[in-house]
Amino acid sequence: MNFLLATWEKSLFVLLLSVVRYFLIGGIVFMLFYVWLKNKKIFQKIEQRFPTNKDFKREIFYSLSTFLIFSMVPFVLDHPLLKPYSKLYTGITTHGMVYFFLVFPLMLIVHDTYFYFTHRMMHHPRLFKFFHVIHHKSVNPSPWAAYAFNPTEALIEIGVIYVFVFSFPIHLIHVFSFMIFMTLYNIYGHLGYEIYPKGFNKHWLGRWINTSVNHNMHHQFFKANYGLYFTFWDKVFNTLHKDYDEHYERITEANQQLRNKLKA
């Protein structure tokens, strides 16, 4: 009984935190790019047309259903049969400060790997409708599409948290900071605009970083560009869209020309 009461409180906290994070970050980004900057001609939209209000409502509805599923995480982590195997720790210095700061990039690498392979799996013709079809209803995604998943996909997506917690020592600060970063980058990936500069896709570092153009192409063409944060696995398995560089250069060249006109 005490387990259920305590866990429900944690579950409600996770739900509230997820909803607030989504509407706060997503709302600010949406107002900036889809309201204030819509007619300012500072950024070229990746796809010229805009999603409809119907699209926004669907994306928000399924994102909220995703957060309900995400909020069940405490029931798994605190379950008496599984909790002894958890590697969550509370003292920041328990494993040293070097380890504390190195965990975050490790989480990004692990998550990107987890995402790439589960994402490709969900694109299998026999699995697509059951797991991934809702997300791809956003052919022209908006920031609200960041968590618009089938409930079945939501269960897959949150699975990375269990990989973290049961694989290597991790602090709650890591979990919360990771969720904030994931939300930011997920919203950027579905932004519909590119904010990285021209030439970033050819830079020694930028060529390994996923961009909004990259993920927008995934929504347009349904295939290729399966990565989340990085292009590494797409390059290893030759699933980076062959026209990615061309699309990126076209959009960022248009962005640069728009800003040059404003300066003139």
Protein backbone atom coordinates (compact mmCIF):
# COMPACT_ATOMS: atom_id res chain seq x y z
CA MET A 1 0.00 0.00 0.00
CA ASN A 2 2.80 2.43 0.91
CA PHE A 3 4.57 1.49 -2.34
CA LEU A 4 1.47 2.32 -4.40
CA LEU A 5 0.83 5.65 -2.64
CA ALA A 6 4.45 6.78 -2.90
CA THR A 7 4.68 5.66 -6.51
CA TRP A 8 1.47 7.38 -7.54
CA GLU A 9 2.85 10.63 -6.14
CA LYS A 10 6.04 10.18 -8.20
CA SER A 11 3.98 9.25 -11.23
CA LEU A 12 1.88 12.40 -10.98
CA PHE A 13 5.04 14.46 -10.53
CA VAL A 14 6.58 12.93 -13.69
CA LEU A 15 3.36 13.58 -15.61
CA LEU A 16 3.16 17.21 -14.47
CA LEU A 17 6.83 17.79 -15.23
CA SER A 18 6.49 16.29 -18.70
CA VAL A 19 3.41 18.35 -19.59
CA VAL A 20 4.89 21.60 -18.26
CA ARG A 21 8.18 20.96 -20.09
CA TYR A 22 6.37 20.21 -23.35
CA PHE A 23 4.05 23.22 -23.27
CA LEU A 24 6.65 25.63 -21.93
CA ILE A 25 9.44 24.81 -24.39
CA GLY A 26 7.13 23.84 -27.25
CA GLY A 27 4.91 26.87 -26.66
CA ILE A 28 7.80 29.35 -26.68
CA VAL A 29 9.26 27.82 -29.84
CA PHE A 30 5.85 27.63 -31.55
CA MET A 31 5.02 31.27 -30.76
CA LEU A 32 8.45 32.38 -31.96
CA PHE A 33 8.54 30.51 -35.29
CA TYR A 34 4.87 29.95 -36.14
CA VAL A 35 3.44 33.27 -34.97
CA TRP A 36 5.99 36.05 -34.49
CA LEU A 37 8.49 35.07 -37.21
CA LYS A 38 5.93 33.60 -39.61
CA ASN A 39 5.92 36.66 -41.87
CA LYS A 40 9.22 38.23 -40.83
CA LYS A 41 11.26 36.51 -43.58
CA ILE A 42 14.20 35.68 -41.32
CA PHE A 43 14.13 31.91 -41.81
CA GLN A 44 13.02 29.93 -44.85
CA LYS A 45 10.53 27.24 -43.87
CA ILE A 46 11.82 23.80 -44.85
CA GLU A 47 8.42 23.01 -46.37
CA GLN A 48 6.65 26.09 -47.73
CA ARG A 49 3.19 25.18 -46.51
CA PHE A 50 2.22 25.25 -42.84
CA PRO A 51 0.56 22.47 -40.83
CA THR A 52 -3.14 23.00 -40.11
CA ASN A 53 -4.86 23.46 -36.75
CA LYS A 54 -6.09 19.89 -37.15
CA ASP A 55 -2.46 18.75 -37.31
CA PHE A 56 -1.59 20.74 -34.19
CA LYS A 57 -4.52 19.26 -32.25
CA ARG A 58 -3.62 15.69 -33.25
CA GLU A 59 0.03 16.21 -32.32
CA ILE A 60 -0.84 17.67 -28.92
CA PHE A 61 -3.41 14.95 -28.17
CA TYR A 62 -1.00 12.10 -28.88
CA SER A 63 1.84 13.86 -27.08
CA LEU A 64 -0.31 14.05 -23.95
CA SER A 65 -1.11 10.34 -24.26
CA THR A 66 2.65 9.73 -24.52
CA PHE A 67 3.25 11.59 -21.27
CA LEU A 68 0.64 9.45 -19.50
CA ILE A 69 2.64 6.39 -20.51
CA PHE A 70 5.94 8.05 -19.55
CA SER A 71 4.49 8.80 -16.12
CA MET A 72 4.32 5.08 -15.36
CA VAL A 73 8.13 4.86 -15.17
CA PRO A 74 8.22 5.09 -11.34
CA PHE A 75 6.09 1.93 -11.10
CA VAL A 76 8.81 0.03 -12.94
CA LEU A 77 11.83 1.61 -11.24
CA ASP A 78 10.39 1.31 -7.73
CA HIS A 79 8.93 -2.16 -8.10
CA PRO A 80 10.27 -4.36 -5.28
CA LEU A 81 11.46 -7.00 -7.76
CA LEU A 82 13.42 -4.53 -9.91
CA LYS A 83 14.54 -1.80 -7.52
CA PRO A 84 17.51 -3.84 -6.16
CA TYR A 85 18.98 -3.82 -9.68
CA SER A 86 18.63 -0.06 -10.15
CA LYS A 87 21.87 1.89 -10.45
CA LEU A 88 20.32 5.23 -9.51
CA TYR A 89 22.45 7.00 -6.92
CA THR A 90 21.85 10.10 -4.79
CA GLY A 91 25.25 11.45 -3.76
CA ILE A 92 26.73 13.55 -6.58
CA THR A 93 30.30 12.68 -5.55
CA THR A 94 29.60 8.95 -5.06
CA HIS A 95 31.39 8.03 -8.29
CA GLY A 96 33.50 11.16 -8.55
CA MET A 97 32.87 14.41 -10.42
CA VAL A 98 34.66 13.28 -13.60
CA TYR A 99 32.24 10.37 -13.91
CA PHE A 100 29.30 12.64 -13.02
CA PHE A 101 30.02 14.93 -15.98
CA LEU A 102 30.93 12.14 -18.43
CA VAL A 103 27.62 10.34 -17.93
CA PHE A 104 25.64 12.90 -19.92
CA PRO A 105 27.51 12.45 -23.24
CA LEU A 106 27.38 8.69 -22.62
CA MET A 107 23.59 8.95 -22.32
CA LEU A 108 23.39 10.78 -25.64
CA ILE A 109 25.43 8.10 -27.40
CA VAL A 110 23.40 5.28 -25.83
CA HIS A 111 20.09 7.00 -26.63
CA ASP A 112 21.05 7.75 -30.22
CA THR A 113 22.02 4.10 -30.71
CA TYR A 114 18.83 2.85 -29.02
CA PHE A 115 16.72 5.25 -31.08
CA TYR A 116 18.30 4.39 -34.42
CA PHE A 117 17.74 0.66 -34.14
CA THR A 118 14.26 0.80 -32.56
CA HIS A 119 13.25 3.46 -35.09
CA ARG A 120 14.36 1.32 -38.03
CA MET A 121 12.57 -1.66 -36.49
CA MET A 122 9.31 0.32 -36.28
CA HIS A 123 9.61 1.15 -39.98
CA HIS A 124 9.37 -2.53 -40.89
CA PRO A 125 6.18 -2.92 -43.00
CA ARG A 126 4.72 -5.44 -40.55
CA LEU A 127 5.30 -3.19 -37.54
CA PHE A 128 4.80 0.32 -38.91
CA LYS A 129 1.02 0.61 -38.42
CA PHE A 130 1.14 -0.89 -34.95
CA PHE A 131 4.01 1.27 -33.65
CA HIS A 132 4.82 4.30 -35.77
CA VAL A 133 2.00 5.42 -38.04
CA ILE A 134 0.73 8.22 -35.77
CA HIS A 135 4.07 10.00 -35.74
CA HIS A 136 4.22 9.91 -39.53
CA LYS A 137 0.82 11.52 -39.90
CA SER A 138 2.91 14.66 -39.36
CA VAL A 139 4.25 14.72 -42.91
CA ASN A 140 4.99 18.40 -42.38
CA PRO A 141 5.84 18.38 -38.65
CA SER A 142 5.53 21.21 -36.16
CA PRO A 143 7.16 21.54 -32.70
CA TRP A 144 4.04 19.89 -31.23
CA ALA A 145 4.89 16.65 -33.09
CA ALA A 146 7.91 15.98 -30.87
CA TYR A 147 6.07 13.36 -28.76
CA ALA A 148 3.10 12.51 -30.99
CA PHE A 149 3.46 8.73 -30.81
CA ASN A 150 1.29 5.65 -30.94
CA PRO A 151 0.92 4.43 -27.33
CA THR A 152 2.91 1.36 -28.41
CA GLU A 153 5.72 3.57 -29.68
CA ALA A 154 5.66 5.59 -26.44
CA LEU A 155 6.40 2.34 -24.57
CA ILE A 156 9.41 1.76 -26.85
CA GLU A 157 10.67 5.34 -26.58
CA ILE A 158 10.62 5.42 -22.77
CA GLY A 159 12.49 2.13 -22.70
CA VAL A 160 15.79 4.00 -22.95
CA ILE A 161 15.31 5.19 -19.36
CA TYR A 162 15.31 1.57 -18.20
CA VAL A 163 18.46 0.95 -20.25
CA PHE A 164 20.14 3.84 -18.43
CA VAL A 165 18.98 2.98 -14.93
CA PHE A 166 19.79 -0.73 -15.10
CA SER A 167 23.05 -0.43 -17.06
CA PHE A 168 25.33 2.11 -15.37
CA PRO A 169 25.31 4.38 -12.30
CA ILE A 170 23.13 7.39 -12.95
CA HIS A 171 21.97 10.31 -10.81
CA LEU A 172 18.48 11.84 -10.90
CA ILE A 173 20.12 15.07 -12.09
CA HIS A 174 21.29 13.15 -15.15
CA VAL A 175 17.76 11.89 -15.80
CA PHE A 176 16.09 15.31 -15.46
CA SER A 177 18.74 17.20 -17.43
CA PHE A 178 18.61 14.52 -20.13
CA MET A 179 14.81 14.84 -20.40
CA ILE A 180 15.10 18.61 -20.83
CA PHE A 181 17.79 18.25 -23.49
CA MET A 182 15.84 15.51 -25.27
CA THR A 183 12.75 17.75 -25.34
CA LEU A 184 14.74 20.68 -26.73
CA TYR A 185 16.39 18.64 -29.45
CA ASN A 186 13.23 16.74 -30.31
CA ILE A 187 11.33 20.01 -30.73
CA TYR A 188 14.17 21.39 -32.85
CA GLY A 189 14.09 18.26 -35.01
CA HIS A 190 10.39 18.85 -35.72
CA LEU A 191 10.67 22.62 -35.92
CA GLY A 192 10.12 22.95 -39.65
CA TYR A 193 12.94 25.51 -39.81
CA GLU A 194 16.72 25.14 -39.83
CA ILE A 195 18.64 27.23 -37.31
CA TYR A 196 22.13 25.80 -37.85
CA PRO A 197 24.23 27.94 -40.23
CA LYS A 198 25.17 27.35 -43.85
CA GLY A 199 28.03 24.87 -44.16
CA PHE A 200 27.32 23.21 -40.81
CA ASN A 201 26.62 19.90 -42.59
CA LYS A 202 30.19 19.93 -43.97
CA HIS A 203 31.91 21.05 -40.76
CA TRP A 204 34.17 18.43 -39.11
CA LEU A 205 31.75 18.28 -36.17
CA GLY A 206 28.50 19.39 -37.80
CA ARG A 207 28.59 16.59 -40.35
CA TRP A 208 27.97 14.16 -37.46
CA ILE A 209 25.11 16.19 -35.92
CA ASN A 210 21.49 15.62 -36.84
CA THR A 211 19.64 18.70 -38.07
CA SER A 212 16.06 19.85 -38.50
CA VAL A 213 16.43 19.49 -42.28
CA ASN A 214 17.62 15.92 -41.76
CA HIS A 215 14.63 14.87 -39.67
CA ASN A 216 12.16 16.86 -41.75
CA MET A 217 13.27 14.83 -44.76
CA HIS A 218 12.52 11.67 -42.79
CA HIS A 219 8.95 12.89 -42.33
CA GLN A 220 8.68 13.87 -45.99
CA PHE A 221 10.04 10.67 -47.50
CA PHE A 222 9.30 8.15 -44.69
CA LYS A 223 12.65 6.43 -45.28
CA ALA A 224 16.29 7.25 -44.49
CA ASN A 225 17.62 9.57 -41.75
CA TYR A 226 16.71 7.37 -38.79
CA GLY A 227 19.07 8.96 -36.25
CA LEU A 228 18.13 11.27 -33.40
CA TYR A 229 21.13 13.35 -32.32
CA PHE A 230 23.83 12.15 -34.68
CA THR A 231 24.27 10.95 -38.26
CA PHE A 232 26.79 8.26 -37.28
CA TRP A 233 24.56 5.18 -37.59
CA ASP A 234 22.92 6.49 -40.76
CA LYS A 235 26.38 6.74 -42.31
CA VAL A 236 27.48 3.34 -41.04
CA PHE A 237 24.40 1.62 -42.52
CA ASN A 238 24.10 3.88 -45.57
CA THR A 239 20.65 5.18 -44.57
CA LEU A 240 21.46 8.89 -44.79
CA HIS A 241 19.28 10.32 -47.56
CA LYS A 242 21.36 10.84 -50.71
CA ASP A 243 19.95 14.37 -51.16
CA TYR A 244 20.48 15.51 -47.57
CA ASP A 245 23.43 17.83 -48.28
CA GLU A 246 21.60 19.37 -51.24
CA HIS A 247 18.46 20.04 -49.14
CA TYR A 248 20.48 21.43 -46.26
CA GLU A 249 22.48 23.77 -48.48
CA ARG A 250 19.35 25.01 -50.27
CA ILE A 251 17.55 25.89 -47.03
CA THR A 252 20.53 27.48 -45.29
CA GLU A 253 21.43 29.46 -48.44
CA ALA A 254 17.85 30.80 -48.45
CA ASN A 255 18.18 31.68 -44.74
CA GLN A 256 21.40 33.56 -45.41
CA GLN A 257 19.89 35.50 -48.32
CA LEU A 258 16.90 36.50 -46.19
CA ARG A 259 19.16 37.84 -43.44
CA ASN A 260 21.33 39.65 -45.97
CA LYS A 261 18.23 41.43 -47.30
CA LEU A 262 17.36 42.55 -43.77
CA LYS A 263 20.84 43.99 -43.30
CA ALA A 264 20.76 45.84 -46.64
